[in-house]
Amino acid sequence: MASSDRNSPVKAVLFDLDGTLLDTAPDLGAALNAVCEQYERPAITAEVFTPVASHGSRGMLQLAFANEYSDMEAELRHAFLSAYKQNIATHTQPYPGVLELLAVLQRESIQVAIVTNKPERLTQQLLPHFPEFEAIRVVVSGDTLSVAKPSPEPLFYAAEKLGIEPADCLYVGDAERDIEAGRNAGMVTVLAEYGYISNEDQPQRWQADYHIASPLELLKLLAIDNS
């Protein structure tokens, strides 16, 4: 997306975290299977849990406990989060190209923020494992405000912290709530197709402005030559 396509150039890129910057599914899945073992349930395969990873503990636990989840929610969530916190970055990695993308955005003086629905205590525990993210000073978590995505308020808050108008921002995410939040915030929306999208999802209906199959494709949208 060249700047000539807009009234003004993009000044900031806001990213979702899980399924967009970081592939956290392996550690989330390990936490799920720790709970399955504790409650003597069959393990869930990566093929099954990975597409659901964007839905957090609720979505993950419902894979194993289905209709029983609502009656056991508090204890299951406690068990899941306890297991996850103990191994929060054992297998989690940035998606290929993410670190290069962030370096190029910094070089081009395009600001970056993270807007995630991950609880703040987990976000702040996870991010220090990746020193390349230290330059990202604005991080909005799922409980930073009283509302989370798909509300646009966390995106407005991040833009305000950056000192940039929402209309001059892109929001990149892999879930329907990301695209809904970005659209309602008046931002250009970019769907990270490489993230956690299940066969039941219908991303063609989410009305994202652009789709990318890998992180570095964002540079092409921004008309940045990284050759």
Protein backbone atom coordinates (compact mmCIF):
# COMPACT_ATOMS: atom_id res chain seq x y z
CA MET A 1 0.00 0.00 0.00
CA ALA A 2 1.89 3.01 -1.22
CA SER A 3 1.43 6.31 0.57
CA SER A 4 -0.07 7.67 -2.63
CA ASP A 5 -3.08 5.43 -1.95
CA ARG A 6 -3.90 7.48 1.15
CA ASN A 7 -4.24 11.11 2.12
CA SER A 8 -1.17 10.74 4.33
CA PRO A 9 1.56 8.14 4.77
CA VAL A 10 1.32 5.42 7.40
CA LYS A 11 2.95 6.66 10.59
CA ALA A 12 2.44 3.65 12.85
CA VAL A 13 1.77 -0.07 12.68
CA LEU A 14 -0.10 -1.69 15.56
CA PHE A 15 0.16 -5.46 15.94
CA ASP A 16 -1.75 -8.17 17.69
CA LEU A 17 0.63 -10.46 19.60
CA ASP A 18 -0.39 -14.14 19.60
CA GLY A 19 -0.70 -15.42 16.06
CA THR A 20 0.69 -12.22 14.54
CA LEU A 21 4.10 -11.43 16.05
CA LEU A 22 4.65 -14.55 18.13
CA ASP A 23 3.72 -18.17 17.53
CA THR A 24 2.62 -18.93 21.08
CA ALA A 25 0.47 -21.95 20.21
CA PRO A 26 3.06 -24.60 21.21
CA ASP A 27 3.27 -23.31 24.79
CA LEU A 28 -0.47 -22.69 25.04
CA GLY A 29 -1.03 -26.22 23.78
CA ALA A 30 1.43 -27.61 26.30
CA ALA A 31 -0.50 -25.88 29.08
CA LEU A 32 -3.75 -27.31 27.74
CA ASN A 33 -2.33 -30.82 27.70
CA ALA A 34 -0.98 -30.40 31.22
CA VAL A 35 -4.56 -29.74 32.29
CA CYS A 36 -5.78 -32.69 30.23
CA GLU A 37 -3.29 -34.92 32.02
CA GLN A 38 -4.34 -33.55 35.39
CA TYR A 39 -8.00 -34.31 34.68
CA GLU A 40 -7.27 -37.57 32.87
CA ARG A 41 -8.45 -36.37 29.48
CA PRO A 42 -6.89 -37.33 26.14
CA ALA A 43 -4.17 -34.98 24.89
CA ILE A 44 -5.11 -32.51 22.15
CA THR A 45 -2.90 -32.54 19.06
CA ALA A 46 -1.18 -29.44 17.70
CA GLU A 47 -3.22 -29.75 14.52
CA VAL A 48 -6.37 -29.26 16.61
CA PHE A 49 -5.26 -26.66 19.16
CA THR A 50 -3.15 -24.36 16.98
CA PRO A 51 -6.04 -22.78 15.02
CA VAL A 52 -7.80 -22.03 18.32
CA ALA A 53 -4.82 -20.44 20.07
CA SER A 54 -6.07 -16.89 19.44
CA HIS A 55 -9.12 -17.63 21.58
CA GLY A 56 -7.07 -17.87 24.75
CA SER A 57 -7.65 -20.22 27.66
CA ARG A 58 -11.39 -20.38 27.13
CA GLY A 59 -11.14 -21.55 23.53
CA MET A 60 -8.32 -23.95 24.30
CA LEU A 61 -10.01 -25.55 27.30
CA GLN A 62 -13.30 -25.96 25.49
CA LEU A 63 -11.50 -28.24 23.05
CA ALA A 64 -10.94 -30.75 25.83
CA PHE A 65 -13.86 -30.13 28.17
CA ALA A 66 -16.64 -29.02 25.77
CA ASN A 67 -19.96 -28.62 27.62
CA GLU A 68 -18.34 -29.30 30.99
CA TYR A 69 -16.21 -26.18 30.69
CA SER A 70 -18.83 -23.75 31.97
CA ASP A 71 -19.31 -25.70 35.20
CA MET A 72 -15.56 -25.99 35.80
CA GLU A 73 -14.38 -22.71 34.32
CA ALA A 74 -12.68 -21.19 37.37
CA GLU A 75 -10.66 -24.26 38.33
CA LEU A 76 -9.76 -25.12 34.74
CA ARG A 77 -8.57 -21.59 33.97
CA HIS A 78 -6.50 -21.58 37.17
CA ALA A 79 -4.87 -24.86 36.23
CA PHE A 80 -4.26 -23.72 32.66
CA LEU A 81 -2.73 -20.38 33.61
CA SER A 82 -0.55 -21.96 36.28
CA ALA A 83 0.86 -24.40 33.72
CA TYR A 84 1.27 -21.70 31.08
CA LYS A 85 3.10 -19.26 33.35
CA GLN A 86 5.64 -21.94 34.28
CA ASN A 87 6.59 -22.49 30.62
CA ILE A 88 5.46 -19.33 28.87
CA ALA A 89 8.35 -19.10 26.41
CA THR A 90 9.68 -22.65 26.15
CA HIS A 91 8.70 -23.10 22.52
CA THR A 92 7.27 -19.68 21.59
CA GLN A 93 9.08 -17.97 18.72
CA PRO A 94 8.59 -14.90 16.51
CA TYR A 95 7.14 -15.82 13.15
CA PRO A 96 9.76 -15.94 10.39
CA GLY A 97 10.38 -12.42 9.16
CA VAL A 98 8.94 -10.62 12.19
CA LEU A 99 12.28 -9.45 13.61
CA GLU A 100 13.41 -8.20 10.21
CA LEU A 101 10.07 -6.45 9.74
CA LEU A 102 10.35 -4.66 13.08
CA ALA A 103 13.92 -3.59 12.28
CA VAL A 104 12.85 -2.13 8.94
CA LEU A 105 9.92 -0.26 10.46
CA GLN A 106 12.27 1.24 13.04
CA ARG A 107 14.72 2.20 10.29
CA GLU A 108 11.91 3.88 8.37
CA SER A 109 10.78 5.80 11.50
CA ILE A 110 7.40 4.06 11.49
CA GLN A 111 6.25 3.63 15.07
CA VAL A 112 5.10 0.29 16.42
CA ALA A 113 2.76 -0.77 19.20
CA ILE A 114 1.25 -4.03 20.42
CA VAL A 115 -2.48 -4.33 21.14
CA THR A 116 -3.37 -7.76 22.46
CA ASN A 117 -6.18 -9.37 24.44
CA LYS A 118 -3.58 -11.34 26.42
CA PRO A 119 -3.76 -10.36 30.11
CA GLU A 120 -1.14 -7.82 31.12
CA ARG A 121 0.58 -10.08 33.66
CA LEU A 122 1.17 -12.69 30.95
CA THR A 123 2.13 -10.15 28.30
CA GLN A 124 4.71 -8.57 30.58
CA GLN A 125 6.08 -11.99 31.54
CA LEU A 126 6.39 -13.09 27.92
CA LEU A 127 7.83 -10.07 26.10
CA PRO A 128 11.17 -9.86 27.98
CA HIS A 129 12.09 -13.25 26.52
CA PHE A 130 12.41 -11.45 23.16
CA PRO A 131 14.87 -8.53 23.50
CA GLU A 132 14.12 -7.45 19.93
CA PHE A 133 10.76 -6.22 21.21
CA GLU A 134 12.31 -3.86 23.77
CA ALA A 135 11.96 -0.90 21.41
CA ILE A 136 8.17 -1.32 21.45
CA ARG A 137 7.24 1.09 24.21
CA VAL A 138 3.46 1.04 23.81
CA VAL A 139 1.88 -2.27 24.78
CA VAL A 140 -1.86 -2.48 25.43
CA SER A 141 -3.07 -5.73 26.98
CA GLY A 142 -6.51 -7.24 27.32
CA ASP A 143 -7.05 -5.76 30.78
CA THR A 144 -5.20 -2.45 30.37
CA LEU A 145 -8.60 -0.81 29.88
CA SER A 146 -12.06 -1.89 31.04
CA VAL A 147 -12.78 -3.17 27.51
CA ALA A 148 -10.78 -5.30 25.08
CA LYS A 149 -10.97 -6.07 21.37
CA PRO A 150 -13.25 -6.13 19.41
CA SER A 151 -13.82 -2.74 21.05
CA PRO A 152 -11.76 -0.11 19.23
CA GLU A 153 -10.86 1.58 22.53
CA PRO A 154 -7.55 -0.28 23.04
CA LEU A 155 -6.48 0.78 19.54
CA PHE A 156 -7.48 4.38 20.20
CA TYR A 157 -5.51 4.23 23.45
CA ALA A 158 -2.40 2.90 21.71
CA ALA A 159 -2.60 5.56 18.99
CA GLU A 160 -2.96 8.26 21.64
CA LYS A 161 0.10 6.94 23.49
CA LEU A 162 2.05 7.06 20.22
CA GLY A 163 0.78 10.57 19.51
CA ILE A 164 -0.58 9.51 16.13
CA GLU A 165 -4.06 9.82 14.66
CA PRO A 166 -5.86 6.47 14.22
CA ALA A 167 -6.34 7.23 10.52
CA ASP A 168 -2.56 7.22 10.12
CA CYS A 169 -2.22 3.71 11.63
CA LEU A 170 -2.40 0.15 10.34
CA TYR A 171 -3.64 -2.65 12.56
CA VAL A 172 -2.37 -6.15 11.85
CA GLY A 173 -4.04 -9.19 13.41
CA ASP A 174 -5.12 -12.74 12.74
CA ALA A 175 -8.60 -12.85 14.31
CA GLU A 176 -12.01 -11.46 13.42
CA ARG A 177 -12.01 -9.31 16.55
CA ASP A 178 -8.75 -7.69 15.37
CA ILE A 179 -10.23 -6.68 12.04
CA GLU A 180 -13.46 -5.50 13.66
CA ALA A 181 -11.57 -3.41 16.20
CA GLY A 182 -9.32 -1.90 13.53
CA ARG A 183 -12.19 -1.04 11.22
CA ASN A 184 -14.16 0.56 14.06
CA ALA A 185 -11.08 2.57 15.00
CA GLY A 186 -10.82 3.93 11.47
CA MET A 187 -7.49 2.20 10.86
CA VAL A 188 -6.40 0.33 7.77
CA THR A 189 -6.72 -3.36 8.65
CA VAL A 190 -4.36 -6.15 7.62
CA LEU A 191 -5.22 -9.80 8.17
CA ALA A 192 -2.26 -12.02 9.09
CA GLU A 193 -3.29 -15.13 7.21
CA TYR A 194 -0.32 -17.04 8.61
CA GLY A 195 -1.80 -16.84 12.12
CA TYR A 196 -4.43 -18.82 13.96
CA ILE A 197 -7.33 -19.15 11.54
CA SER A 198 -9.44 -22.30 11.77
CA ASN A 199 -11.38 -24.10 9.07
CA GLU A 200 -14.58 -22.85 10.70
CA ASP A 201 -13.54 -19.21 10.41
CA GLN A 202 -14.67 -17.20 7.41
CA PRO A 203 -11.96 -14.54 7.01
CA GLN A 204 -13.32 -13.48 3.63
CA ARG A 205 -16.28 -12.02 5.54
CA TRP A 206 -14.18 -10.02 7.97
CA GLN A 207 -13.66 -7.20 5.46
CA ALA A 208 -9.97 -6.65 6.14
CA ASP A 209 -8.47 -4.06 3.82
CA TYR A 210 -5.46 -6.26 3.03
CA HIS A 211 -4.30 -9.82 3.57
CA ILE A 212 -0.69 -10.95 4.06
CA ALA A 213 0.58 -14.53 3.94
CA SER A 214 3.85 -13.69 5.77
CA PRO A 215 5.06 -10.82 7.98
CA LEU A 216 7.45 -9.35 5.41
CA GLU A 217 4.60 -8.91 2.90
CA LEU A 218 3.63 -5.92 5.01
CA LEU A 219 6.63 -4.05 3.61
CA LYS A 220 5.22 -4.42 0.12
CA LEU A 221 1.94 -2.91 1.30
CA LEU A 222 3.88 -0.01 2.78
CA ALA A 223 5.85 0.40 -0.47
CA ILE A 224 9.11 -0.12 1.41
CA ASP A 225 11.92 -1.59 -0.66
CA ASN A 226 13.86 -3.99 1.52
CA SER A 227 16.00 -5.51 -1.24
